[in-house]
Amino acid sequence: MDLEPLRAGMEQAVPFNGHLGLEIVEVSVGRGVARLPDDQALRNHTGSQHASALFAVGEAASGAALAAVFVEHLPRLELSPEGAEISYKKIPRGPITATGVLGADPATLLADLDRDGHVAFGIDVSLTDDGGDLVAELTVRWLVRQEA
């Protein structure tokens, strides 16, 4: 399945992400990668990447991993984050890459959605700097529901 149209569409779908200059780098079933640029406007008082920008790129990566699982059903679904938890590991400097990975079996999620009309699950995201060092970890809990 060609997921390039989904990847390109995701960059346009969330105006806030465009404001931050986020790039959706990869979309595959159960995996999404997003990149946060190194931009003075995204920094905090210490000159490092702002915590809210880190959260945004992590949430975008989790959304990319999520969307690829449900791509064929997207027109009839409502996707919404239920909650998230982020843990900061190292001062984030320079461009940041967020990689979201679905820990559940996509076929099981689709079956649960068909049976129950909704499914909830988490996507774990690692955020790394250009040197490959882990700067933060994020888990986003998603709820996917069939529209009424």
Protein backbone atom coordinates (compact mmCIF):
# COMPACT_ATOMS: atom_id res chain seq x y z
CA MET A 1 0.00 0.00 0.00
CA ASP A 2 1.31 3.44 -0.97
CA LEU A 3 1.19 5.65 2.14
CA GLU A 4 2.86 8.69 0.55
CA PRO A 5 -0.48 10.51 0.03
CA LEU A 6 -1.26 9.96 3.72
CA ARG A 7 2.16 11.29 4.76
CA ALA A 8 1.79 14.38 2.56
CA GLY A 9 -1.76 14.96 3.77
CA MET A 10 -0.74 14.75 7.40
CA GLU A 11 1.67 17.63 6.96
CA GLN A 12 -1.26 19.78 5.82
CA ALA A 13 -3.95 18.40 8.16
CA VAL A 14 -2.77 20.00 11.41
CA PRO A 15 -2.15 23.74 10.97
CA PHE A 16 -0.33 24.00 14.33
CA ASN A 17 2.29 21.50 13.18
CA GLY A 18 2.88 23.63 10.10
CA HIS A 19 3.38 26.67 12.34
CA LEU A 20 6.17 24.75 14.10
CA GLY A 21 7.69 23.60 10.82
CA LEU A 22 7.19 19.93 11.70
CA GLU A 23 7.89 17.47 8.92
CA ILE A 24 6.28 14.03 8.73
CA VAL A 25 9.26 11.99 7.55
CA GLU A 26 7.80 8.48 7.51
CA VAL A 27 4.42 6.81 7.72
CA SER A 28 4.15 3.04 7.83
CA VAL A 29 1.73 0.69 9.55
CA GLY A 30 2.41 1.04 13.25
CA ARG A 31 5.33 3.46 12.83
CA GLY A 32 5.52 7.19 12.32
CA VAL A 33 8.50 9.53 12.22
CA ALA A 34 8.35 13.32 12.52
CA ARG A 35 11.09 15.93 12.64
CA LEU A 36 11.27 19.19 14.57
CA PRO A 37 13.58 21.77 12.99
CA ASP A 38 16.21 23.74 14.87
CA ASP A 39 14.62 27.18 14.86
CA GLN A 40 15.27 30.09 17.22
CA ALA A 41 11.51 30.67 17.46
CA LEU A 42 11.04 27.19 18.99
CA ARG A 43 13.56 27.62 21.80
CA ASN A 44 13.05 28.31 25.46
CA HIS A 45 14.90 30.69 27.80
CA THR A 46 17.93 28.34 27.96
CA GLY A 47 18.34 28.20 24.18
CA SER A 48 17.23 24.58 23.90
CA GLN A 49 14.13 23.21 22.17
CA HIS A 50 10.98 24.18 24.06
CA ALA A 51 9.19 21.38 25.92
CA SER A 52 5.91 22.10 24.15
CA ALA A 53 7.60 21.77 20.74
CA LEU A 54 8.98 18.39 21.84
CA PHE A 55 5.52 17.30 22.86
CA ALA A 56 4.08 18.44 19.52
CA VAL A 57 6.59 16.52 17.41
CA GLY A 58 6.07 13.42 19.54
CA GLU A 59 2.30 13.65 19.22
CA ALA A 60 2.67 14.09 15.44
CA ALA A 61 4.81 10.95 15.19
CA SER A 62 2.25 8.98 17.19
CA GLY A 63 -0.53 10.27 14.94
CA ALA A 64 1.38 9.15 11.86
CA ALA A 65 1.78 5.65 13.28
CA LEU A 66 -1.91 5.60 14.17
CA ALA A 67 -3.21 6.90 10.84
CA ALA A 68 -1.39 4.26 8.81
CA VAL A 69 -3.10 1.47 10.76
CA PHE A 70 -6.57 2.87 10.06
CA VAL A 71 -5.93 4.52 6.67
CA GLU A 72 -8.63 2.58 4.82
CA HIS A 73 -11.22 3.49 7.47
CA LEU A 74 -10.27 7.14 8.15
CA PRO A 75 -13.34 8.75 6.54
CA ARG A 76 -15.64 7.03 9.05
CA LEU A 77 -13.48 7.38 12.16
CA GLU A 78 -12.89 9.92 14.88
CA LEU A 79 -9.30 9.83 16.18
CA SER A 80 -8.60 11.64 19.43
CA PRO A 81 -5.84 11.54 21.99
CA GLU A 82 -7.12 10.65 25.46
CA GLY A 83 -3.96 11.57 27.27
CA ALA A 84 -0.19 11.55 27.18
CA GLU A 85 2.84 11.39 29.41
CA ILE A 86 6.24 12.76 28.54
CA SER A 87 9.55 12.22 30.27
CA TYR A 88 12.52 14.51 29.55
CA LYS A 89 15.92 12.82 29.52
CA LYS A 90 18.46 15.29 28.16
CA ILE A 91 18.58 18.95 27.16
CA PRO A 92 17.27 18.95 23.56
CA ARG A 93 19.42 20.92 21.16
CA GLY A 94 19.25 21.04 17.39
CA PRO A 95 16.77 19.19 15.19
CA ILE A 96 14.77 16.49 16.97
CA THR A 97 13.45 13.27 15.43
CA ALA A 98 10.43 11.61 17.00
CA THR A 99 9.71 7.96 16.25
CA GLY A 100 6.33 6.55 17.26
CA VAL A 101 5.82 2.81 17.46
CA LEU A 102 2.56 0.99 18.00
CA GLY A 103 2.96 -1.81 20.53
CA ALA A 104 -0.32 -3.53 19.66
CA ASP A 105 -1.16 -5.82 16.75
CA PRO A 106 -2.89 -3.74 14.02
CA ALA A 107 -5.16 -6.64 13.01
CA THR A 108 -6.35 -7.00 16.61
CA LEU A 109 -7.07 -3.27 16.86
CA LEU A 110 -9.09 -3.35 13.63
CA ALA A 111 -11.05 -6.39 14.83
CA ASP A 112 -11.78 -4.70 18.18
CA LEU A 113 -12.90 -1.56 16.37
CA ASP A 114 -15.25 -3.52 14.12
CA ARG A 115 -16.67 -5.46 17.07
CA ASP A 116 -16.98 -2.68 19.67
CA GLY A 117 -17.17 0.49 17.57
CA HIS A 118 -14.15 1.90 19.41
CA VAL A 119 -10.66 0.96 20.49
CA ALA A 120 -8.14 2.57 22.86
CA PHE A 121 -4.38 2.01 22.89
CA GLY A 122 -1.03 3.71 23.40
CA ILE A 123 1.78 4.61 21.06
CA ASP A 124 5.29 4.98 22.48
CA VAL A 125 7.51 7.69 21.04
CA SER A 126 11.24 8.22 21.40
CA LEU A 127 12.70 11.65 20.67
CA THR A 128 16.35 11.86 19.69
CA ASP A 129 18.76 14.59 18.73
CA ASP A 130 20.99 14.55 15.65
CA GLY A 131 23.63 12.62 17.59
CA GLY A 132 21.13 9.84 18.27
CA ASP A 133 20.88 10.64 21.97
CA LEU A 134 17.49 10.14 23.62
CA VAL A 135 16.14 13.52 24.77
CA ALA A 136 12.58 12.51 25.73
CA GLU A 137 10.08 9.67 25.75
CA LEU A 138 6.36 10.12 25.24
CA THR A 139 3.37 7.81 25.35
CA VAL A 140 0.17 9.00 23.70
CA ARG A 141 -3.07 7.18 24.53
CA TRP A 142 -5.47 7.27 21.58
CA LEU A 143 -9.17 6.58 21.28
CA VAL A 144 -10.47 5.60 17.85
CA ARG A 145 -14.25 5.58 17.38
CA GLN A 146 -16.54 4.92 14.48
CA GLU A 147 -18.55 8.03 13.70
CA ALA A 148 -22.26 7.74 14.43
